[in-house]
Protein backbone atom coordinates (compact mmCIF):
# COMPACT_ATOMS: atom_id res chain seq x y z
CA MET A 1 101.39 82.89 82.92
CA LYS A 2 104.80 81.41 81.99
CA HIS A 3 108.15 82.90 83.07
CA GLY A 4 111.09 80.87 81.77
CA SER A 5 110.80 77.40 83.27
CA CYS A 6 108.42 78.51 86.03
CA GLU A 7 104.69 78.89 85.88
CA THR A 8 102.83 81.35 88.08
CA ARG A 9 99.15 81.22 88.71
CA LYS A 10 96.81 83.12 90.97
CA GLU A 11 94.52 80.88 92.97
CA GLY A 12 91.50 81.69 95.05
CA PRO A 13 90.76 80.32 98.52
CA SER A 14 88.71 77.41 97.13
CA ASP A 15 91.62 76.26 94.92
CA ASP A 16 94.03 76.45 97.84
CA THR A 17 91.69 74.47 100.11
CA ALA A 18 91.28 71.75 97.51
CA ARG A 19 95.05 71.34 97.09
CA ARG A 20 95.97 71.59 100.79
CA PRO A 21 97.06 68.24 102.29
CA ALA A 22 95.13 67.09 105.35
CA VAL A 23 98.23 67.03 107.57
CA GLY A 24 101.08 69.49 107.94
CA ARG A 25 99.47 72.77 106.91
CA PRO A 26 97.32 75.04 109.01
CA GLU A 27 93.68 75.45 108.09
CA ARG A 28 93.84 79.22 108.39
CA GLU A 29 96.12 81.63 106.63
CA ALA A 30 99.36 82.28 108.49
CA PRO A 31 101.90 85.06 107.91
CA LEU A 32 105.12 83.93 106.28
CA LEU A 33 108.62 85.35 106.02
CA VAL A 34 110.03 85.01 102.52
CA GLU A 35 113.79 84.61 102.17
CA THR A 36 116.02 83.81 99.25
CA THR A 37 119.25 81.84 99.38
CA PRO A 38 122.42 82.58 97.38
CA GLU A 39 121.51 79.57 95.22
CA GLY A 40 118.21 81.25 94.28
CA ALA A 41 115.90 79.08 96.39
CA ILE A 42 112.91 80.69 98.07
CA LEU A 43 112.37 79.83 101.74
CA LEU A 44 108.98 80.29 103.36
CA LYS A 45 109.11 80.39 107.15
CA PRO A 46 106.26 80.87 109.61
CA ALA A 47 106.27 84.38 111.09
CA ALA A 48 105.18 85.27 114.59
CA VAL A 49 103.00 88.37 114.64
CA TYR A 50 102.09 89.96 117.95
CA PRO A 51 99.85 92.93 118.58
CA VAL A 52 101.63 95.91 120.10
CA GLU A 53 99.72 98.38 122.18
CA VAL A 54 101.09 101.91 122.49
CA TYR A 55 99.94 103.95 125.48
CA SER A 56 99.74 107.72 125.70
CA GLU A 57 101.41 109.55 128.57
CA GLN A 58 97.95 110.13 130.01
CA ARG A 59 97.16 106.38 130.00
CA VAL A 60 100.53 105.53 131.60
CA ALA A 61 99.80 108.06 134.37
CA GLU A 62 96.41 106.38 134.88
CA PHE A 63 98.13 103.01 135.32
CA GLU A 64 100.54 104.53 137.82
CA ARG A 65 97.68 106.02 139.86
CA GLU A 66 95.73 102.75 139.87
CA ASN A 67 98.76 100.70 140.93
CA ALA A 68 100.03 103.07 143.63
CA VAL A 69 100.38 101.58 147.12
CA PRO A 70 98.84 103.85 149.75
CA GLU A 71 101.33 105.34 152.24
CA ASP A 72 99.61 103.76 155.28
CA LEU A 73 99.93 100.30 153.71
CA GLN A 74 103.60 100.93 152.93
CA VAL A 75 104.19 101.82 156.61
CA LYS A 76 102.47 98.60 157.76
CA VAL A 77 104.50 96.44 155.38
CA ARG A 78 107.76 98.06 156.45
CA ALA A 79 106.86 97.48 160.10
CA LEU A 80 106.03 93.81 159.48
CA LEU A 81 109.24 93.27 157.58
CA GLY A 82 111.24 95.15 160.18
CA ARG A 83 113.13 97.15 157.61
CA ASP A 84 112.90 100.00 155.18
CA ILE A 85 111.88 98.93 151.67
C-alpha cells in the first residue's frame, strides 16, 4: 500500500526472518519504544519490560509472619552484641 513517498507492507514472521541480518538483531521479538523527532524521523529503541507482582494484604502478612525473628533469638543476639538493637 502506497502513502506518498513511503510504502507500507505487512510481513509475516517468515518474511522478517528471511530479511533479518545475521548480526545486530535479536532472534526473538523484543519490545520497542517508538518515538518521533521534530524533524519527523521515527526512532525505535529497545524497551525493558519487567514483570511486576502485586501482593494482597493477606500475602504481605504471610511474608511478615514467615520472616519474623523469634523473641528468644532476639534476646540472644542482643546479649552477644552487648547492646539493644
